Amino acid sequence: MTIKEMRMVVYILITGFMFMPLFSCANHDLHSNEDYVGLKKASVSSERQRPDNLILSKKKSSRRESSTTGPLDISIEEAILLALDNNQAFRVERLDPQIRQTFEMQERAAFDPTLSAEYSISRESEATGETPLSKIKETDAEVEISEFLPTGTQVKLEISTDLTDPYTSGDQNSIRGGISITQALLRGFGLKVNLANLRQARLDTLASQYELRGFAESLVAEVEKTCWDYTLAQRRIAIFTDSLRLAEDQLWETQERIKIGKLA
């Protein structure tokens, strides 16, 4: 390939890439910012702060014990974080929005521009006496960019060039360019029809994210309720223990009063 041919092919490719952003700007409602939801960091206000004495054991500690035996000395917030990290059902639910987004990307890919390039060289060999002679007869290069717009419009840009070997048939070079626009009038006309699948995929993604948020909130509420029940059970055990100690003290006092003769 000669330097002139290489320059011509590079010129065609650069021209094709320059028109690609123009096609992409015609896509309506393809990259709009949807109100996607997900797991957000909980902001705890001053009114909802837990008191320091509400812990899962007698002593609050921010560090976990190194030994695997025995209960963990953690707070309610730490218990929620552990539940979110180790719950297998929640791990599975977190994958569903990502799977839904892949279907959304597939529906959006229908409106992506496509680029195709073709380069061909035709050779002609002739023999003069005992010495064969090979020469390039013609070189063709073609670049095509097409895109289907959400409005039902098919846009196609085509640029081609023909280079002829000047040593065989003279310097005859030609460059052709053309653009074609096809608009659907009945079937496939309008944004509502062409964007229906994409919008449905976005709604499915949004629904899966709301379901994930609901599952997370339900899991957090269940863990928090369990922690409160555990704290309440500890308080009840402490009350029963104090009552038993008081009853034992009263029994000992009564027995001592009987021994010294104050009571019959």
C-alpha atoms as a PDB file:
ATOM      1  CA  MET A   1       0.000   0.000   0.000  1.00  0.00           C
ATOM      2  CA  THR A   2       1.421   3.361  -0.986  1.00  0.00           C
ATOM      3  CA  ILE A   3       1.569   6.406   1.256  1.00  0.00           C
ATOM      4  CA  LYS A   4      -1.136   8.111  -0.789  1.00  0.00           C
ATOM      5  CA  GLU A   5      -3.502   5.190  -0.304  1.00  0.00           C
ATOM      6  CA  MET A   6      -2.833   5.097   3.414  1.00  0.00           C
ATOM      7  CA  ARG A   7      -3.584   8.800   3.726  1.00  0.00           C
ATOM      8  CA  MET A   8      -6.843   8.352   1.840  1.00  0.00           C
ATOM      9  CA  VAL A   9      -8.009   5.505   4.107  1.00  0.00           C
ATOM     10  CA  VAL A  10      -7.103   7.449   7.270  1.00  0.00           C
ATOM     11  CA  TYR A  11      -9.004  10.473   5.936  1.00  0.00           C
ATOM     12  CA  ILE A  12     -12.129   8.372   5.376  1.00  0.00           C
ATOM     13  CA  LEU A  13     -11.955   6.852   8.858  1.00  0.00           C
ATOM     14  CA  ILE A  14     -11.484  10.245  10.527  1.00  0.00           C
ATOM     15  CA  THR A  15     -14.431  11.658   8.582  1.00  0.00           C
ATOM     16  CA  GLY A  16     -16.607   8.776   9.693  1.00  0.00           C
ATOM     17  CA  PHE A  17     -15.730   9.213  13.352  1.00  0.00           C
ATOM     18  CA  MET A  18     -16.510  12.936  13.122  1.00  0.00           C
ATOM     19  CA  PHE A  19     -20.107  12.168  12.154  1.00  0.00           C
ATOM     20  CA  MET A  20     -20.701   9.646  14.944  1.00  0.00           C
ATOM     21  CA  PRO A  21     -21.334  12.274  17.690  1.00  0.00           C
ATOM     22  CA  LEU A  22     -23.910  13.923  15.438  1.00  0.00           C
ATOM     23  CA  PHE A  23     -25.889  10.703  15.307  1.00  0.00           C
ATOM     24  CA  SER A  24     -25.588  10.156  19.033  1.00  0.00           C
ATOM     25  CA  CYS A  25     -27.013  13.610  19.766  1.00  0.00           C
ATOM     26  CA  ALA A  26     -30.217  12.616  18.002  1.00  0.00           C
ATOM     27  CA  ASN A  27     -31.007   9.901  20.555  1.00  0.00           C
ATOM     28  CA  HIS A  28     -33.775  11.156  22.787  1.00  0.00           C
ATOM     29  CA  ASP A  29     -34.492   9.805  26.251  1.00  0.00           C
ATOM     30  CA  LEU A  30     -31.747   7.179  26.035  1.00  0.00           C
ATOM     31  CA  HIS A  31     -29.428   8.440  28.736  1.00  0.00           C
ATOM     32  CA  SER A  32     -31.817  10.360  30.959  1.00  0.00           C
ATOM     33  CA  ASN A  33     -31.115  10.263  34.672  1.00  0.00           C
ATOM     34  CA  GLU A  34     -33.744   8.034  36.200  1.00  0.00           C
ATOM     35  CA  ASP A  35     -34.560   8.192  39.883  1.00  0.00           C
ATOM     36  CA  TYR A  36     -32.726   5.012  40.639  1.00  0.00           C
ATOM     37  CA  VAL A  37     -32.625   3.962  44.227  1.00  0.00           C
ATOM     38  CA  GLY A  38     -30.331   1.730  46.149  1.00  0.00           C
ATOM     39  CA  LEU A  39     -28.885   1.139  49.539  1.00  0.00           C
ATOM     40  CA  LYS A  40     -28.079   4.526  50.996  1.00  0.00           C
ATOM     41  CA  LYS A  41     -26.127   5.300  54.106  1.00  0.00           C
ATOM     42  CA  ALA A  42     -28.455   5.787  57.031  1.00  0.00           C
ATOM     43  CA  SER A  43     -28.280   9.227  58.579  1.00  0.00           C
ATOM     44  CA  VAL A  44     -29.042   9.002  62.271  1.00  0.00           C
ATOM     45  CA  SER A  45     -30.385  12.236  63.727  1.00  0.00           C
ATOM     46  CA  SER A  46     -29.778  13.418  67.244  1.00  0.00           C
ATOM     47  CA  GLU A  47     -33.315  12.472  68.275  1.00  0.00           C
ATOM     48  CA  ARG A  48     -32.839   8.843  67.221  1.00  0.00           C
ATOM     49  CA  GLN A  49     -29.497   8.290  68.928  1.00  0.00           C
ATOM     50  CA  ARG A  50     -29.415   5.168  71.045  1.00  0.00           C
ATOM     51  CA  PRO A  51     -28.631   5.620  74.720  1.00  0.00           C
ATOM     52  CA  ASP A  52     -25.262   4.346  75.813  1.00  0.00           C
ATOM     53  CA  ASN A  53     -26.728   1.753  78.161  1.00  0.00           C
ATOM     54  CA  LEU A  54     -28.725  -0.037  75.419  1.00  0.00           C
ATOM     55  CA  ILE A  55     -26.251  -2.681  74.382  1.00  0.00           C
ATOM     56  CA  LEU A  56     -26.434  -6.394  73.758  1.00  0.00           C
ATOM     57  CA  SER A  57     -24.318  -7.289  76.773  1.00  0.00           C
ATOM     58  CA  LYS A  58     -23.357  -5.800  80.097  1.00  0.00           C
ATOM     59  CA  LYS A  59     -20.423  -3.855  78.659  1.00  0.00           C
ATOM     60  CA  LYS A  60     -20.345  -1.967  75.337  1.00  0.00           C
ATOM     61  CA  SER A  61     -17.285  -2.590  73.243  1.00  0.00           C
ATOM     62  CA  SER A  62     -16.420  -1.534  69.684  1.00  0.00           C
ATOM     63  CA  ARG A  63     -14.032  -4.430  69.181  1.00  0.00           C
ATOM     64  CA  ARG A  64     -14.991  -8.057  68.714  1.00  0.00           C
ATOM     65  CA  GLU A  65     -13.457 -10.717  70.869  1.00  0.00           C
ATOM     66  CA  SER A  66     -10.693 -12.721  69.258  1.00  0.00           C
ATOM     67  CA  SER A  67     -12.003 -16.015  70.590  1.00  0.00           C
ATOM     68  CA  THR A  68     -14.730 -17.786  68.677  1.00  0.00           C
ATOM     69  CA  THR A  69     -16.469 -19.124  71.779  1.00  0.00           C
ATOM     70  CA  GLY A  70     -18.865 -17.129  73.872  1.00  0.00           C
ATOM     71  CA  PRO A  71     -21.226 -14.277  72.988  1.00  0.00           C
ATOM     72  CA  LEU A  72     -20.086 -11.252  71.012  1.00  0.00           C
ATOM     73  CA  ASP A  73     -19.977  -7.954  72.837  1.00  0.00           C
ATOM     74  CA  ILE A  74     -21.507  -5.666  70.169  1.00  0.00           C
ATOM     75  CA  SER A  75     -24.002  -2.840  69.937  1.00  0.00           C
ATOM     76  CA  ILE A  76     -27.247  -2.716  67.969  1.00  0.00           C
ATOM     77  CA  GLU A  77     -25.638  -0.841  65.081  1.00  0.00           C
ATOM     78  CA  GLU A  78     -22.854  -3.399  64.869  1.00  0.00           C
ATOM     79  CA  ALA A  79     -25.389  -6.226  64.888  1.00  0.00           C
ATOM     80  CA  ILE A  80     -27.203  -4.634  61.926  1.00  0.00           C
ATOM     81  CA  LEU A  81     -23.960  -4.326  59.974  1.00  0.00           C
ATOM     82  CA  LEU A  82     -23.073  -7.937  60.695  1.00  0.00           C
ATOM     83  CA  ALA A  83     -26.509  -9.061  59.539  1.00  0.00           C
ATOM     84  CA  LEU A  84     -26.194  -7.118  56.263  1.00  0.00           C
ATOM     85  CA  ASP A  85     -22.747  -8.580  55.629  1.00  0.00           C
ATOM     86  CA  ASN A  86     -23.499 -12.216  56.451  1.00  0.00           C
ATOM     87  CA  ASN A  87     -27.123 -12.674  55.386  1.00  0.00           C
ATOM     88  CA  GLN A  88     -27.095 -14.985  52.347  1.00  0.00           C
ATOM     89  CA  ALA A  89     -30.574 -14.029  51.162  1.00  0.00           C
ATOM     90  CA  PHE A  90     -29.600 -10.362  51.159  1.00  0.00           C
ATOM     91  CA  ARG A  91     -26.497 -11.147  49.078  1.00  0.00           C
ATOM     92  CA  VAL A  92     -28.677 -12.814  46.482  1.00  0.00           C
ATOM     93  CA  GLU A  93     -31.109  -9.894  46.440  1.00  0.00           C
ATOM     94  CA  ARG A  94     -28.268  -7.447  45.797  1.00  0.00           C
ATOM     95  CA  LEU A  95     -27.534  -9.146  42.473  1.00  0.00           C
ATOM     96  CA  ASP A  96     -31.029  -8.648  41.062  1.00  0.00           C
ATOM     97  CA  PRO A  97     -30.682  -4.891  40.224  1.00  0.00           C
ATOM     98  CA  GLN A  98     -27.409  -5.587  38.428  1.00  0.00           C
ATOM     99  CA  ILE A  99     -29.054  -8.315  36.372  1.00  0.00           C
ATOM    100  CA  ARG A 100     -31.921  -5.979  35.496  1.00  0.00           C
ATOM    101  CA  GLN A 101     -29.488  -3.304  34.350  1.00  0.00           C
ATOM    102  CA  THR A 102     -27.974  -5.732  31.838  1.00  0.00           C
ATOM    103  CA  PHE A 103     -31.374  -6.058  30.151  1.00  0.00           C
ATOM    104  CA  GLU A 104     -31.630  -2.268  30.122  1.00  0.00           C
ATOM    105  CA  MET A 105     -28.249  -2.025  28.406  1.00  0.00           C
ATOM    106  CA  GLN A 106     -29.396  -4.538  25.797  1.00  0.00           C
ATOM    107  CA  GLU A 107     -32.466  -2.466  24.983  1.00  0.00           C
ATOM    108  CA  ARG A 108     -30.388   0.719  24.767  1.00  0.00           C
ATOM    109  CA  ALA A 109     -27.913  -0.965  22.408  1.00  0.00           C
ATOM    110  CA  ALA A 110     -30.574  -1.007  19.683  1.00  0.00           C
ATOM    111  CA  PHE A 111     -30.007   2.753  19.229  1.00  0.00           C
ATOM    112  CA  ASP A 112     -26.207   2.673  19.225  1.00  0.00           C
ATOM    113  CA  PRO A 113     -24.426   3.739  16.018  1.00  0.00           C
ATOM    114  CA  THR A 114     -22.699   1.050  13.981  1.00  0.00           C
ATOM    115  CA  LEU A 115     -19.523   1.527  11.975  1.00  0.00           C
ATOM    116  CA  SER A 116     -18.446  -0.729   9.117  1.00  0.00           C
ATOM    117  CA  ALA A 117     -15.344  -0.351   6.945  1.00  0.00           C
ATOM    118  CA  GLU A 118     -14.216  -2.229   3.861  1.00  0.00           C
ATOM    119  CA  TYR A 119     -10.921  -2.125   2.026  1.00  0.00           C
ATOM    120  CA  SER A 120     -10.135  -4.065  -1.129  1.00  0.00           C
ATOM    121  CA  ILE A 121      -7.262  -4.254  -3.618  1.00  0.00           C
ATOM    122  CA  SER A 122      -7.555  -5.773  -7.065  1.00  0.00           C
ATOM    123  CA  ARG A 123      -4.338  -6.940  -8.702  1.00  0.00           C
ATOM    124  CA  GLU A 124      -3.577  -7.821 -12.278  1.00  0.00           C
ATOM    125  CA  SER A 125      -0.557  -9.866 -13.337  1.00  0.00           C
ATOM    126  CA  GLU A 126       0.978  -9.849 -16.762  1.00  0.00           C
ATOM    127  CA  ALA A 127       3.970 -11.746 -18.106  1.00  0.00           C
ATOM    128  CA  THR A 128       6.451 -10.126 -20.462  1.00  0.00           C
ATOM    129  CA  GLY A 129       8.704 -12.809 -21.848  1.00  0.00           C
ATOM    130  CA  GLU A 130      10.119 -14.876 -19.011  1.00  0.00           C
ATOM    131  CA  THR A 131       9.786 -12.104 -16.393  1.00  0.00           C
ATOM    132  CA  PRO A 132       6.379 -11.908 -14.667  1.00  0.00           C
ATOM    133  CA  LEU A 133       5.071  -8.408 -13.929  1.00  0.00           C
ATOM    134  CA  SER A 134       2.628  -7.713 -11.070  1.00  0.00           C
ATOM    135  CA  LYS A 135       0.892  -4.395 -10.732  1.00  0.00           C
ATOM    136  CA  ILE A 136      -1.983  -2.897  -8.690  1.00  0.00           C
ATOM    137  CA  LYS A 137      -4.961  -2.130 -10.820  1.00  0.00           C
ATOM    138  CA  GLU A 138      -7.475  -0.590  -8.395  1.00  0.00           C
ATOM    139  CA  THR A 139      -7.896   0.104  -4.675  1.00  0.00           C
ATOM    140  CA  ASP A 140     -11.315   0.614  -3.067  1.00  0.00           C
ATOM    141  CA  ALA A 141     -12.064   1.839   0.465  1.00  0.00           C
ATOM    142  CA  GLU A 142     -15.500   2.349   1.986  1.00  0.00           C
ATOM    143  CA  VAL A 143     -16.750   3.492   5.415  1.00  0.00           C
ATOM    144  CA  GLU A 144     -20.394   3.337   6.474  1.00  0.00           C
ATOM    145  CA  ILE A 145     -22.045   4.636   9.631  1.00  0.00           C
ATOM    146  CA  SER A 146     -25.670   3.871  10.375  1.00  0.00           C
ATOM    147  CA  GLU A 147     -27.924   4.448  13.338  1.00  0.00           C
ATOM    148  CA  PHE A 148     -31.545   3.849  14.201  1.00  0.00           C
ATOM    149  CA  LEU A 149     -33.057   6.796  16.061  1.00  0.00           C
ATOM    150  CA  PRO A 150     -35.875   6.549  18.634  1.00  0.00           C
ATOM    151  CA  THR A 151     -38.112   8.563  16.310  1.00  0.00           C
ATOM    152  CA  GLY A 152     -38.151   5.673  13.828  1.00  0.00           C
ATOM    153  CA  THR A 153     -35.553   7.257  11.559  1.00  0.00           C
ATOM    154  CA  GLN A 154     -32.763   5.258   9.967  1.00  0.00           C
ATOM    155  CA  VAL A 155     -29.736   7.445   9.168  1.00  0.00           C
ATOM    156  CA  LYS A 156     -26.879   6.124   7.066  1.00  0.00           C
ATOM    157  CA  LEU A 157     -23.686   7.910   6.042  1.00  0.00           C
ATOM    158  CA  GLU A 158     -21.430   6.358   3.424  1.00  0.00           C
ATOM    159  CA  ILE A 159     -18.038   7.510   2.146  1.00  0.00           C
ATOM    160  CA  SER A 160     -16.076   5.587  -0.488  1.00  0.00           C
ATOM    161  CA  THR A 161     -12.987   6.168  -2.594  1.00  0.00           C
ATOM    162  CA  ASP A 162     -11.441   4.545  -5.676  1.00  0.00           C
ATOM    163  CA  LEU A 163      -7.694   4.764  -6.275  1.00  0.00           C
ATOM    164  CA  THR A 164      -6.271   3.681  -9.633  1.00  0.00           C
ATOM    165  CA  ASP A 165      -2.634   2.899 -10.201  1.00  0.00           C
ATOM    166  CA  PRO A 166      -1.243   5.835 -12.191  1.00  0.00           C
ATOM    167  CA  TYR A 167       1.388   3.618 -13.845  1.00  0.00           C
ATOM    168  CA  THR A 168      -1.214   1.439 -15.581  1.00  0.00           C
ATOM    169  CA  SER A 169      -4.295   3.485 -16.414  1.00  0.00           C
ATOM    170  CA  GLY A 170      -3.495   7.025 -15.412  1.00  0.00           C
ATOM    171  CA  ASP A 171      -4.156   8.943 -12.233  1.00  0.00           C
ATOM    172  CA  GLN A 172      -7.915   8.457 -11.810  1.00  0.00           C
ATOM    173  CA  ASN A 173      -9.013   8.918  -8.208  1.00  0.00           C
ATOM    174  CA  SER A 174     -12.551   9.490  -7.013  1.00  0.00           C
ATOM    175  CA  ILE A 175     -14.178  10.082  -3.630  1.00  0.00           C
ATOM    176  CA  ARG A 176     -17.911   9.643  -3.132  1.00  0.00           C
ATOM    177  CA  GLY A 177     -20.012  10.470  -0.119  1.00  0.00           C
ATOM    178  CA  GLY A 178     -23.692  10.183   0.564  1.00  0.00           C
ATOM    179  CA  ILE A 179     -26.253  10.224   3.333  1.00  0.00           C
ATOM    180  CA  SER A 180     -29.621   8.502   3.353  1.00  0.00           C
ATOM    181  CA  ILE A 181     -32.486   9.047   5.782  1.00  0.00           C
ATOM    182  CA  THR A 182     -35.403   6.644   6.052  1.00  0.00           C
ATOM    183  CA  GLN A 183     -38.389   7.592   8.201  1.00  0.00           C
ATOM    184  CA  ALA A 184     -41.065   5.109   9.233  1.00  0.00           C
ATOM    185  CA  LEU A 185     -44.556   6.482   8.718  1.00  0.00           C
ATOM    186  CA  LEU A 186     -46.745   3.735  10.150  1.00  0.00           C
ATOM    187  CA  ARG A 187     -45.038   0.839  11.859  1.00  0.00           C
ATOM    188  CA  GLY A 188     -42.245   1.939  14.201  1.00  0.00           C
ATOM    189  CA  PHE A 189     -43.083   5.643  14.093  1.00  0.00           C
ATOM    190  CA  GLY A 190     -42.679   7.832  17.169  1.00  0.00           C
ATOM    191  CA  LEU A 191     -40.811   7.774  20.460  1.00  0.00           C
ATOM    192  CA  LYS A 192     -43.474   5.939  22.427  1.00  0.00           C
ATOM    193  CA  VAL A 193     -43.279   2.831  20.283  1.00  0.00           C
ATOM    194  CA  ASN A 194     -39.514   2.626  19.894  1.00  0.00           C
ATOM    195  CA  LEU A 195     -38.717   3.444  23.522  1.00  0.00           C
ATOM    196  CA  ALA A 196     -41.343   1.169  25.051  1.00  0.00           C
ATOM    197  CA  ASN A 197     -38.964  -1.740  25.665  1.00  0.00           C
ATOM    198  CA  LEU A 198     -36.238   0.524  27.032  1.00  0.00           C
ATOM    199  CA  ARG A 199     -38.609   2.280  29.413  1.00  0.00           C
ATOM    200  CA  GLN A 200     -40.015  -1.052  30.565  1.00  0.00           C
ATOM    201  CA  ALA A 201     -36.480  -2.279  31.266  1.00  0.00           C
ATOM    202  CA  ARG A 202     -35.814   0.882  33.284  1.00  0.00           C
ATOM    203  CA  LEU A 203     -38.986   0.355  35.282  1.00  0.00           C
ATOM    204  CA  ASP A 204     -37.926  -3.236  35.998  1.00  0.00           C
ATOM    205  CA  THR A 205     -34.543  -2.007  37.214  1.00  0.00           C
ATOM    206  CA  LEU A 206     -36.198   0.636  39.382  1.00  0.00           C
ATOM    207  CA  ALA A 207     -38.628  -1.913  40.804  1.00  0.00           C
ATOM    208  CA  SER A 208     -35.798  -4.327  41.646  1.00  0.00           C
ATOM    209  CA  GLN A 209     -33.962  -1.562  43.482  1.00  0.00           C
ATOM    210  CA  TYR A 210     -37.071  -0.683  45.485  1.00  0.00           C
ATOM    211  CA  GLU A 211     -37.489  -4.367  46.302  1.00  0.00           C
ATOM    212  CA  LEU A 212     -33.867  -4.504  47.464  1.00  0.00           C
ATOM    213  CA  ARG A 213     -34.393  -1.455  49.654  1.00  0.00           C
ATOM    214  CA  GLY A 214     -37.553  -2.974  51.133  1.00  0.00           C
ATOM    215  CA  PHE A 215     -35.748  -6.255  51.817  1.00  0.00           C
ATOM    216  CA  ALA A 216     -32.892  -4.385  53.517  1.00  0.00           C
ATOM    217  CA  GLU A 217     -35.265  -2.321  55.641  1.00  0.00           C
ATOM    218  CA  SER A 218     -37.170  -5.456  56.650  1.00  0.00           C
ATOM    219  CA  LEU A 219     -33.937  -7.220  57.587  1.00  0.00           C
ATOM    220  CA  VAL A 220     -32.732  -4.231  59.604  1.00  0.00           C
ATOM    221  CA  ALA A 221     -36.091  -3.968  61.397  1.00  0.00           C
ATOM    222  CA  GLU A 222     -36.021  -7.663  62.233  1.00  0.00           C
ATOM    223  CA  VAL A 223     -32.466  -7.487  63.590  1.00  0.00           C
ATOM    224  CA  GLU A 224     -33.253  -4.368  65.599  1.00  0.00           C
ATOM    225  CA  LYS A 225     -36.409  -5.953  67.034  1.00  0.00           C
ATOM    226  CA  THR A 226     -34.430  -9.047  67.992  1.00  0.00           C
ATOM    227  CA  CYS A 227     -31.823  -6.885  69.716  1.00  0.00           C
ATOM    228  CA  TRP A 228     -34.507  -5.035  71.650  1.00  0.00           C
ATOM    229  CA  ASP A 229     -36.111  -8.353  72.663  1.00  0.00           C
ATOM    230  CA  TYR A 230     -32.729  -9.602  73.816  1.00  0.00           C
ATOM    231  CA  THR A 231     -32.150  -6.430  75.830  1.00  0.00           C
ATOM    232  CA  LEU A 232     -35.621  -6.711  77.348  1.00  0.00           C
ATOM    233  CA  ALA A 233     -34.969 -10.342  78.275  1.00  0.00           C
ATOM    234  CA  GLN A 234     -31.727  -9.310  79.974  1.00  0.00           C
ATOM    235  CA  ARG A 235     -33.578  -6.635  81.940  1.00  0.00           C
ATOM    236  CA  ARG A 236     -36.206  -9.173  83.007  1.00  0.00           C
ATOM    237  CA  ILE A 237     -33.520 -11.619  84.111  1.00  0.00           C
ATOM    238  CA  ALA A 238     -31.862  -8.843  86.115  1.00  0.00           C
ATOM    239  CA  ILE A 239     -35.208  -7.959  87.765  1.00  0.00           C
ATOM    240  CA  PHE A 240     -35.904 -11.600  88.661  1.00  0.00           C
ATOM    241  CA  THR A 241     -32.377 -11.970  90.006  1.00  0.00           C
ATOM    242  CA  ASP A 242     -32.757  -8.883  92.186  1.00  0.00           C
ATOM    243  CA  SER A 243     -36.144 -10.118  93.402  1.00  0.00           C
ATOM    244  CA  LEU A 244     -34.637 -13.494  94.302  1.00  0.00           C
ATOM    245  CA  ARG A 245     -31.788 -11.798  96.155  1.00  0.00           C
ATOM    246  CA  LEU A 246     -34.277  -9.617  98.057  1.00  0.00           C
ATOM    247  CA  ALA A 247     -36.380 -12.660  98.974  1.00  0.00           C
ATOM    248  CA  GLU A 248     -33.276 -14.491 100.195  1.00  0.00           C
ATOM    249  CA  ASP A 249     -32.278 -11.489 102.302  1.00  0.00           C
ATOM    250  CA  GLN A 250     -35.775 -11.333 103.831  1.00  0.00           C
ATOM    251  CA  LEU A 251     -35.657 -15.089 104.541  1.00  0.00           C
ATOM    252  CA  TRP A 252     -32.261 -14.776 106.233  1.00  0.00           C
ATOM    253  CA  GLU A 253     -33.475 -11.797 108.284  1.00  0.00           C
ATOM    254  CA  THR A 254     -36.601 -13.697 109.387  1.00  0.00           C
ATOM    255  CA  GLN A 255     -34.555 -16.741 110.398  1.00  0.00           C
ATOM    256  CA  GLU A 256     -32.163 -14.585 112.421  1.00  0.00           C
ATOM    257  CA  ARG A 257     -35.051 -12.875 114.219  1.00  0.00           C
ATOM    258  CA  ILE A 258     -36.482 -16.288 115.058  1.00  0.00           C
ATOM    259  CA  LYS A 259     -33.127 -17.395 116.474  1.00  0.00           C
ATOM    260  CA  ILE A 260     -32.852 -14.440 118.816  1.00  0.00           C
ATOM    261  CA  GLY A 261     -36.485 -14.855 119.925  1.00  0.00           C
ATOM    262  CA  LYS A 262     -38.064 -11.793 118.412  1.00  0.00           C
ATOM    263  CA  LEU A 263     -40.380 -13.844 116.245  1.00  0.00           C
ATOM    264  CA  ALA A 264     -42.249 -17.014 117.074  1.00  0.00           C
END
